[in-house]
Amino acid sequence: MISGTIDGNLDARIPLTLLALDEKHEVEFILDTGLYGYLAVSAPLVAQLGLKLGAVQSGITADGRSGFFDTVRVVIDWHGKIRSVQAQVLDEPLIGTRLLNGNRVNANWLVGSKLIITELA
């Protein structure tokens, strides 16, 4: 089970553990159902964690603009299992729908409410 909270802007904030440079780094992500990938991370976080840029992907932003985005491989702890996933380099850390595949998200969308992500059987 992974838990987070609904903040004052009604964003679902979820802390995840990233593994890089032989250390664990806790990073707060925003759940974004408009992001079809696994994760997004910011350029400053890429630099801080020493991640190497990978392929460039084309995509469409939430406001409908087309663009090209750098990607990186990110190693995360997801439900106690270590996973390596592709992340787009965007403005802020986001959790996308591909990472949520096979999970249930349960929340009452009220400021300060708890959000729970559980694996489906």
C-alpha atoms as a PDB file:
ATOM      1  CA  MET A   1       0.000   0.000   0.000  1.00  0.00           C
ATOM      2  CA  ILE A   2       1.215   3.478  -0.905  1.00  0.00           C
ATOM      3  CA  SER A   3      -0.326   6.512   0.736  1.00  0.00           C
ATOM      4  CA  GLY A   4      -0.436  10.213   0.053  1.00  0.00           C
ATOM      5  CA  THR A   5      -2.602  13.241   0.770  1.00  0.00           C
ATOM      6  CA  ILE A   6      -4.783  15.757  -1.038  1.00  0.00           C
ATOM      7  CA  ASP A   7      -3.166  19.181  -0.690  1.00  0.00           C
ATOM      8  CA  GLY A   8      -4.636  22.696  -0.607  1.00  0.00           C
ATOM      9  CA  ASN A   9      -4.619  22.872  -4.419  1.00  0.00           C
ATOM     10  CA  LEU A  10      -6.532  19.555  -4.551  1.00  0.00           C
ATOM     11  CA  ASP A  11      -3.458  17.801  -5.966  1.00  0.00           C
ATOM     12  CA  ALA A  12      -2.845  14.215  -4.851  1.00  0.00           C
ATOM     13  CA  ARG A  13       0.701  14.199  -3.438  1.00  0.00           C
ATOM     14  CA  ILE A  14       2.459  10.864  -3.043  1.00  0.00           C
ATOM     15  CA  PRO A  15       5.983  10.304  -1.718  1.00  0.00           C
ATOM     16  CA  LEU A  16       8.009   7.700  -3.606  1.00  0.00           C
ATOM     17  CA  THR A  17      11.479   6.336  -2.919  1.00  0.00           C
ATOM     18  CA  LEU A  18      13.904   6.621  -5.836  1.00  0.00           C
ATOM     19  CA  LEU A  19      17.189   4.732  -5.859  1.00  0.00           C
ATOM     20  CA  ALA A  20      20.171   6.510  -7.412  1.00  0.00           C
ATOM     21  CA  LEU A  21      23.851   7.043  -6.624  1.00  0.00           C
ATOM     22  CA  ASP A  22      23.683   4.080  -4.203  1.00  0.00           C
ATOM     23  CA  GLU A  23      21.234   6.000  -2.016  1.00  0.00           C
ATOM     24  CA  LYS A  24      17.498   6.227  -1.403  1.00  0.00           C
ATOM     25  CA  HIS A  25      15.829   9.554  -2.162  1.00  0.00           C
ATOM     26  CA  GLU A  26      12.272  10.337  -1.099  1.00  0.00           C
ATOM     27  CA  VAL A  27      10.560  12.526  -3.696  1.00  0.00           C
ATOM     28  CA  GLU A  28       7.022  13.862  -3.610  1.00  0.00           C
ATOM     29  CA  PHE A  29       5.060  13.242  -6.816  1.00  0.00           C
ATOM     30  CA  ILE A  30       1.682  14.529  -7.996  1.00  0.00           C
ATOM     31  CA  LEU A  31      -0.777  11.989  -9.367  1.00  0.00           C
ATOM     32  CA  ASP A  32      -1.589  13.067 -12.945  1.00  0.00           C
ATOM     33  CA  THR A  33      -4.169  11.000 -14.824  1.00  0.00           C
ATOM     34  CA  GLY A  34      -3.423  13.074 -17.930  1.00  0.00           C
ATOM     35  CA  LEU A  35       0.132  11.689 -18.056  1.00  0.00           C
ATOM     36  CA  TYR A  36       0.007   8.442 -20.000  1.00  0.00           C
ATOM     37  CA  GLY A  37       3.584   7.457 -19.151  1.00  0.00           C
ATOM     38  CA  TYR A  38       4.955   5.970 -15.923  1.00  0.00           C
ATOM     39  CA  LEU A  39       6.555   9.018 -14.324  1.00  0.00           C
ATOM     40  CA  ALA A  40       7.779  12.511 -15.002  1.00  0.00           C
ATOM     41  CA  VAL A  41      10.744  14.058 -13.201  1.00  0.00           C
ATOM     42  CA  SER A  42      12.158  17.579 -13.285  1.00  0.00           C
ATOM     43  CA  ALA A  43      15.507  18.523 -14.837  1.00  0.00           C
ATOM     44  CA  PRO A  44      16.905  19.632 -11.442  1.00  0.00           C
ATOM     45  CA  LEU A  45      15.985  16.208  -9.987  1.00  0.00           C
ATOM     46  CA  VAL A  46      17.673  14.471 -12.950  1.00  0.00           C
ATOM     47  CA  ALA A  47      20.858  16.436 -12.193  1.00  0.00           C
ATOM     48  CA  GLN A  48      20.632  15.855  -8.421  1.00  0.00           C
ATOM     49  CA  LEU A  49      20.274  12.082  -8.887  1.00  0.00           C
ATOM     50  CA  GLY A  50      22.929  11.867 -11.615  1.00  0.00           C
ATOM     51  CA  LEU A  51      20.519  10.292 -14.109  1.00  0.00           C
ATOM     52  CA  LYS A  52      21.607   9.950 -17.728  1.00  0.00           C
ATOM     53  CA  LEU A  53      19.343  11.270 -20.468  1.00  0.00           C
ATOM     54  CA  GLY A  54      17.950   8.624 -22.785  1.00  0.00           C
ATOM     55  CA  ALA A  55      15.823   8.772 -25.898  1.00  0.00           C
ATOM     56  CA  VAL A  56      13.777  11.796 -26.898  1.00  0.00           C
ATOM     57  CA  GLN A  57      10.026  11.178 -27.158  1.00  0.00           C
ATOM     58  CA  SER A  58       7.387  13.149 -28.953  1.00  0.00           C
ATOM     59  CA  GLY A  59       4.223  13.901 -27.053  1.00  0.00           C
ATOM     60  CA  ILE A  60       1.294  16.194 -26.520  1.00  0.00           C
ATOM     61  CA  THR A  61       1.023  18.342 -23.414  1.00  0.00           C
ATOM     62  CA  ALA A  62      -2.147  18.751 -21.354  1.00  0.00           C
ATOM     63  CA  ASP A  63      -2.877  22.031 -23.136  1.00  0.00           C
ATOM     64  CA  GLY A  64      -2.688  20.333 -26.559  1.00  0.00           C
ATOM     65  CA  ARG A  65       0.780  21.468 -27.673  1.00  0.00           C
ATOM     66  CA  SER A  66       3.064  18.988 -29.461  1.00  0.00           C
ATOM     67  CA  GLY A  67       6.639  18.724 -28.295  1.00  0.00           C
ATOM     68  CA  PHE A  68       9.707  16.576 -27.736  1.00  0.00           C
ATOM     69  CA  PHE A  69      10.731  15.416 -24.274  1.00  0.00           C
ATOM     70  CA  ASP A  70      13.929  13.932 -22.872  1.00  0.00           C
ATOM     71  CA  THR A  71      13.570  10.656 -20.994  1.00  0.00           C
ATOM     72  CA  VAL A  72      15.522   8.938 -18.231  1.00  0.00           C
ATOM     73  CA  ARG A  73      15.415   5.528 -16.504  1.00  0.00           C
ATOM     74  CA  VAL A  74      14.321   5.834 -12.880  1.00  0.00           C
ATOM     75  CA  VAL A  75      14.539   3.087 -10.275  1.00  0.00           C
ATOM     76  CA  ILE A  76      11.717   3.271  -7.739  1.00  0.00           C
ATOM     77  CA  ASP A  77      10.274   1.332  -4.822  1.00  0.00           C
ATOM     78  CA  TRP A  78       6.685   0.541  -5.855  1.00  0.00           C
ATOM     79  CA  HIS A  79       4.713  -1.495  -3.295  1.00  0.00           C
ATOM     80  CA  GLY A  80       7.965  -2.778  -1.817  1.00  0.00           C
ATOM     81  CA  LYS A  81       9.271  -3.979  -5.188  1.00  0.00           C
ATOM     82  CA  ILE A  82      12.140  -2.361  -7.047  1.00  0.00           C
ATOM     83  CA  ARG A  83      11.084  -1.260 -10.551  1.00  0.00           C
ATOM     84  CA  SER A  84      12.965   0.471 -13.334  1.00  0.00           C
ATOM     85  CA  VAL A  85      10.662   2.694 -15.387  1.00  0.00           C
ATOM     86  CA  GLN A  86      11.019   5.288 -18.091  1.00  0.00           C
ATOM     87  CA  ALA A  87      10.316   8.857 -17.015  1.00  0.00           C
ATOM     88  CA  GLN A  88       9.806  11.973 -19.091  1.00  0.00           C
ATOM     89  CA  VAL A  89      11.736  15.076 -18.083  1.00  0.00           C
ATOM     90  CA  LEU A  90       9.059  17.710 -17.442  1.00  0.00           C
ATOM     91  CA  ASP A  91       8.529  20.614 -15.029  1.00  0.00           C
ATOM     92  CA  GLU A  92       7.664  18.603 -11.917  1.00  0.00           C
ATOM     93  CA  PRO A  93       7.542  15.040 -10.558  1.00  0.00           C
ATOM     94  CA  LEU A  94       4.352  13.305 -11.721  1.00  0.00           C
ATOM     95  CA  ILE A  95       2.908   9.786 -11.479  1.00  0.00           C
ATOM     96  CA  GLY A  96       1.232   8.713 -14.716  1.00  0.00           C
ATOM     97  CA  THR A  97      -1.385   6.128 -15.576  1.00  0.00           C
ATOM     98  CA  ARG A  98       1.025   3.439 -16.800  1.00  0.00           C
ATOM     99  CA  LEU A  99       2.477   3.164 -13.309  1.00  0.00           C
ATOM    100  CA  LEU A 100      -1.059   2.960 -11.895  1.00  0.00           C
ATOM    101  CA  ASN A 101      -1.982   0.042 -14.182  1.00  0.00           C
ATOM    102  CA  GLY A 102      -2.972  -2.887 -11.946  1.00  0.00           C
ATOM    103  CA  ASN A 103      -3.631  -0.650  -8.942  1.00  0.00           C
ATOM    104  CA  ARG A 104      -6.625   0.849  -7.184  1.00  0.00           C
ATOM    105  CA  VAL A 105      -6.574   4.503  -6.144  1.00  0.00           C
ATOM    106  CA  ASN A 106      -8.942   5.381  -3.309  1.00  0.00           C
ATOM    107  CA  ALA A 107      -9.458   8.931  -2.073  1.00  0.00           C
ATOM    108  CA  ASN A 108     -12.031  11.385  -0.868  1.00  0.00           C
ATOM    109  CA  TRP A 109     -11.056  14.517  -2.798  1.00  0.00           C
ATOM    110  CA  LEU A 110     -11.043  16.929   0.144  1.00  0.00           C
ATOM    111  CA  VAL A 111      -8.137  19.049   1.344  1.00  0.00           C
ATOM    112  CA  GLY A 112      -6.118  17.034   3.858  1.00  0.00           C
ATOM    113  CA  SER A 113      -7.719  13.699   2.982  1.00  0.00           C
ATOM    114  CA  LYS A 114      -5.633  10.562   2.653  1.00  0.00           C
ATOM    115  CA  LEU A 115      -5.129   8.830  -0.683  1.00  0.00           C
ATOM    116  CA  ILE A 116      -4.337   5.098  -0.827  1.00  0.00           C
ATOM    117  CA  ILE A 117      -2.905   3.130  -3.773  1.00  0.00           C
ATOM    118  CA  THR A 118      -3.240  -0.656  -3.480  1.00  0.00           C
ATOM    119  CA  GLU A 119      -2.212  -3.420  -5.861  1.00  0.00           C
ATOM    120  CA  LEU A 120      -5.011  -5.384  -7.472  1.00  0.00           C
ATOM    121  CA  ALA A 121      -4.758  -9.165  -7.235  1.00  0.00           C
END
